[in-house]
Amino acid sequence: MAIPHAKPIEPVSIHLLGEQLRSAQTTTLVKTDALEVIRLVLPGGKEIDEHKVRGEITLQCLEGKVQFRSADSDCELTAGQLIYVPASESHSLRAVTDSSLLLTILLYRK
């Protein structure tokens, strides 16, 4: 069964999860040929190993605290902060605390 994604002009809630953050799961909110929007949920201590994404991305911290690392940058993101990552830049992520992030990916088109 296919996972349902938002339809055009359909409101999608990205409210804070609060007490439900610990039991929440990562979900893809929107997926088209050119764009993917994901609510990324990471429990404190969880790491996403170094990887590359072919398209440009933004990563917005909705709640919690994460450590972002790339070859050129090492920064901490807290609620209300957003970063831009150029296409194909290697990076990794570690949740310092239980965290919820909004990840937007511009998908590479051939």
C-alpha atoms as a PDB file:
ATOM      1  CA  MET A   1       0.000   0.000   0.000  1.00  0.00           C
ATOM      2  CA  ALA A   2       1.339   3.428  -0.954  1.00  0.00           C
ATOM      3  CA  ILE A   3       1.988   5.992   1.770  1.00  0.00           C
ATOM      4  CA  PRO A   4      -0.389   8.958   1.329  1.00  0.00           C
ATOM      5  CA  HIS A   5       1.237  12.340   0.738  1.00  0.00           C
ATOM      6  CA  ALA A   6      -0.319  15.782   0.768  1.00  0.00           C
ATOM      7  CA  LYS A   7      -2.248  16.767  -2.316  1.00  0.00           C
ATOM      8  CA  PRO A   8      -1.769  20.201  -3.929  1.00  0.00           C
ATOM      9  CA  ILE A   9      -3.191  23.031  -1.796  1.00  0.00           C
ATOM     10  CA  GLU A  10      -3.877  20.664   1.109  1.00  0.00           C
ATOM     11  CA  PRO A  11      -2.862  22.029   4.551  1.00  0.00           C
ATOM     12  CA  VAL A  12      -0.280  19.880   6.345  1.00  0.00           C
ATOM     13  CA  SER A  13       0.304  20.195  10.074  1.00  0.00           C
ATOM     14  CA  ILE A  14       3.871  20.682  11.229  1.00  0.00           C
ATOM     15  CA  HIS A  15       2.837  21.612  14.762  1.00  0.00           C
ATOM     16  CA  LEU A  16       5.164  20.807  17.629  1.00  0.00           C
ATOM     17  CA  LEU A  17       4.866  17.211  18.755  1.00  0.00           C
ATOM     18  CA  GLY A  18       5.649  17.972  22.398  1.00  0.00           C
ATOM     19  CA  GLU A  19       4.999  14.913  24.549  1.00  0.00           C
ATOM     20  CA  GLN A  20       4.320  12.782  21.438  1.00  0.00           C
ATOM     21  CA  LEU A  21       7.822  13.479  20.065  1.00  0.00           C
ATOM     22  CA  ARG A  22       9.327  10.386  21.715  1.00  0.00           C
ATOM     23  CA  SER A  23       6.880   8.016  19.999  1.00  0.00           C
ATOM     24  CA  ALA A  24       6.575   9.851  16.651  1.00  0.00           C
ATOM     25  CA  GLN A  25       8.067   8.526  13.420  1.00  0.00           C
ATOM     26  CA  THR A  26       9.671  10.189  10.436  1.00  0.00           C
ATOM     27  CA  THR A  27       7.087  10.818   7.697  1.00  0.00           C
ATOM     28  CA  THR A  28       7.186  12.090   4.135  1.00  0.00           C
ATOM     29  CA  LEU A  29       4.679  14.927   3.899  1.00  0.00           C
ATOM     30  CA  VAL A  30       4.994  15.885   0.221  1.00  0.00           C
ATOM     31  CA  LYS A  31       6.601  14.069  -2.691  1.00  0.00           C
ATOM     32  CA  THR A  32       6.582  15.158  -6.313  1.00  0.00           C
ATOM     33  CA  ASP A  33       8.985  14.681  -9.213  1.00  0.00           C
ATOM     34  CA  ALA A  34      10.896  17.808  -8.145  1.00  0.00           C
ATOM     35  CA  LEU A  35      10.340  18.159  -4.385  1.00  0.00           C
ATOM     36  CA  GLU A  36      10.267  16.087  -1.219  1.00  0.00           C
ATOM     37  CA  VAL A  37       9.297  17.410   2.225  1.00  0.00           C
ATOM     38  CA  ILE A  38       9.923  15.160   5.221  1.00  0.00           C
ATOM     39  CA  ARG A  39       9.234  15.539   8.919  1.00  0.00           C
ATOM     40  CA  LEU A  40      12.383  13.971  10.339  1.00  0.00           C
ATOM     41  CA  VAL A  41      12.053  12.692  13.917  1.00  0.00           C
ATOM     42  CA  LEU A  42      15.251  11.779  15.741  1.00  0.00           C
ATOM     43  CA  PRO A  43      15.493  10.551  19.342  1.00  0.00           C
ATOM     44  CA  GLY A  44      18.314  12.052  21.394  1.00  0.00           C
ATOM     45  CA  GLY A  45      21.629  10.381  20.544  1.00  0.00           C
ATOM     46  CA  LYS A  46      20.490   9.113  17.118  1.00  0.00           C
ATOM     47  CA  GLU A  47      22.990   9.740  14.334  1.00  0.00           C
ATOM     48  CA  ILE A  48      22.563   9.891  10.593  1.00  0.00           C
ATOM     49  CA  ASP A  49      25.924   8.941   9.122  1.00  0.00           C
ATOM     50  CA  GLU A  50      27.686  11.058   6.548  1.00  0.00           C
ATOM     51  CA  HIS A  51      25.901  11.029   3.205  1.00  0.00           C
ATOM     52  CA  LYS A  52      25.185  13.185   0.138  1.00  0.00           C
ATOM     53  CA  VAL A  53      21.939  14.291  -1.448  1.00  0.00           C
ATOM     54  CA  ARG A  54      21.964  15.048  -5.171  1.00  0.00           C
ATOM     55  CA  GLY A  55      19.676  18.056  -4.757  1.00  0.00           C
ATOM     56  CA  GLU A  56      19.787  21.153  -2.602  1.00  0.00           C
ATOM     57  CA  ILE A  57      18.195  20.842   0.836  1.00  0.00           C
ATOM     58  CA  THR A  58      17.000  22.946   3.724  1.00  0.00           C
ATOM     59  CA  LEU A  59      16.792  21.624   7.254  1.00  0.00           C
ATOM     60  CA  GLN A  60      14.619  23.472   9.769  1.00  0.00           C
ATOM     61  CA  CYS A  61      14.629  22.497  13.439  1.00  0.00           C
ATOM     62  CA  LEU A  62      11.053  22.510  14.730  1.00  0.00           C
ATOM     63  CA  GLU A  63      11.893  21.278  18.238  1.00  0.00           C
ATOM     64  CA  GLY A  64      14.871  19.854  20.058  1.00  0.00           C
ATOM     65  CA  LYS A  65      18.551  20.292  19.252  1.00  0.00           C
ATOM     66  CA  VAL A  66      20.730  18.678  16.566  1.00  0.00           C
ATOM     67  CA  GLN A  67      24.402  18.830  15.614  1.00  0.00           C
ATOM     68  CA  PHE A  68      25.003  19.289  11.873  1.00  0.00           C
ATOM     69  CA  ARG A  69      28.395  18.520  10.357  1.00  0.00           C
ATOM     70  CA  SER A  70      29.833  18.915   6.883  1.00  0.00           C
ATOM     71  CA  ALA A  71      33.342  19.348   5.490  1.00  0.00           C
ATOM     72  CA  ASP A  72      32.991  23.137   5.788  1.00  0.00           C
ATOM     73  CA  SER A  73      30.638  23.535   8.742  1.00  0.00           C
ATOM     74  CA  ASP A  74      29.856  22.296  12.220  1.00  0.00           C
ATOM     75  CA  CYS A  75      26.825  23.902  13.812  1.00  0.00           C
ATOM     76  CA  GLU A  76      24.079  23.287  16.296  1.00  0.00           C
ATOM     77  CA  LEU A  77      20.460  23.808  15.253  1.00  0.00           C
ATOM     78  CA  THR A  78      17.741  24.588  17.771  1.00  0.00           C
ATOM     79  CA  ALA A  79      14.025  25.254  17.377  1.00  0.00           C
ATOM     80  CA  GLY A  80      13.341  28.022  14.888  1.00  0.00           C
ATOM     81  CA  GLN A  81      16.646  27.735  13.013  1.00  0.00           C
ATOM     82  CA  LEU A  82      17.096  26.683   9.382  1.00  0.00           C
ATOM     83  CA  ILE A  83      20.147  25.842   7.292  1.00  0.00           C
ATOM     84  CA  TYR A  84      20.677  25.452   3.560  1.00  0.00           C
ATOM     85  CA  VAL A  85      22.912  22.655   2.238  1.00  0.00           C
ATOM     86  CA  PRO A  86      24.207  22.799  -1.353  1.00  0.00           C
ATOM     87  CA  ALA A  87      23.641  19.834  -3.660  1.00  0.00           C
ATOM     88  CA  SER A  88      26.030  16.897  -3.231  1.00  0.00           C
ATOM     89  CA  GLU A  89      27.667  18.248  -0.053  1.00  0.00           C
ATOM     90  CA  SER A  90      28.596  15.457   2.358  1.00  0.00           C
ATOM     91  CA  HIS A  91      27.021  15.924   5.770  1.00  0.00           C
ATOM     92  CA  SER A  92      25.925  14.116   8.919  1.00  0.00           C
ATOM     93  CA  LEU A  93      23.464  14.808  11.715  1.00  0.00           C
ATOM     94  CA  ARG A  94      23.214  13.859  15.391  1.00  0.00           C
ATOM     95  CA  ALA A  95      20.286  14.567  17.671  1.00  0.00           C
ATOM     96  CA  VAL A  96      21.514  16.104  20.922  1.00  0.00           C
ATOM     97  CA  THR A  97      17.981  15.845  22.340  1.00  0.00           C
ATOM     98  CA  ASP A  98      14.739  14.350  20.994  1.00  0.00           C
ATOM     99  CA  SER A  99      14.184  16.421  17.861  1.00  0.00           C
ATOM    100  CA  SER A 100      11.752  17.101  15.045  1.00  0.00           C
ATOM    101  CA  LEU A 101      12.956  18.720  11.825  1.00  0.00           C
ATOM    102  CA  LEU A 102      11.457  19.773   8.524  1.00  0.00           C
ATOM    103  CA  LEU A 103      13.657  18.540   5.662  1.00  0.00           C
ATOM    104  CA  THR A 104      13.055  19.910   2.169  1.00  0.00           C
ATOM    105  CA  ILE A 105      14.850  18.334  -0.790  1.00  0.00           C
ATOM    106  CA  LEU A 106      14.907  19.685  -4.341  1.00  0.00           C
ATOM    107  CA  LEU A 107      15.149  16.444  -6.263  1.00  0.00           C
ATOM    108  CA  TYR A 108      17.727  16.098  -8.980  1.00  0.00           C
ATOM    109  CA  ARG A 109      16.187  15.752 -12.402  1.00  0.00           C
ATOM    110  CA  LYS A 110      17.971  14.030 -15.277  1.00  0.00           C
END
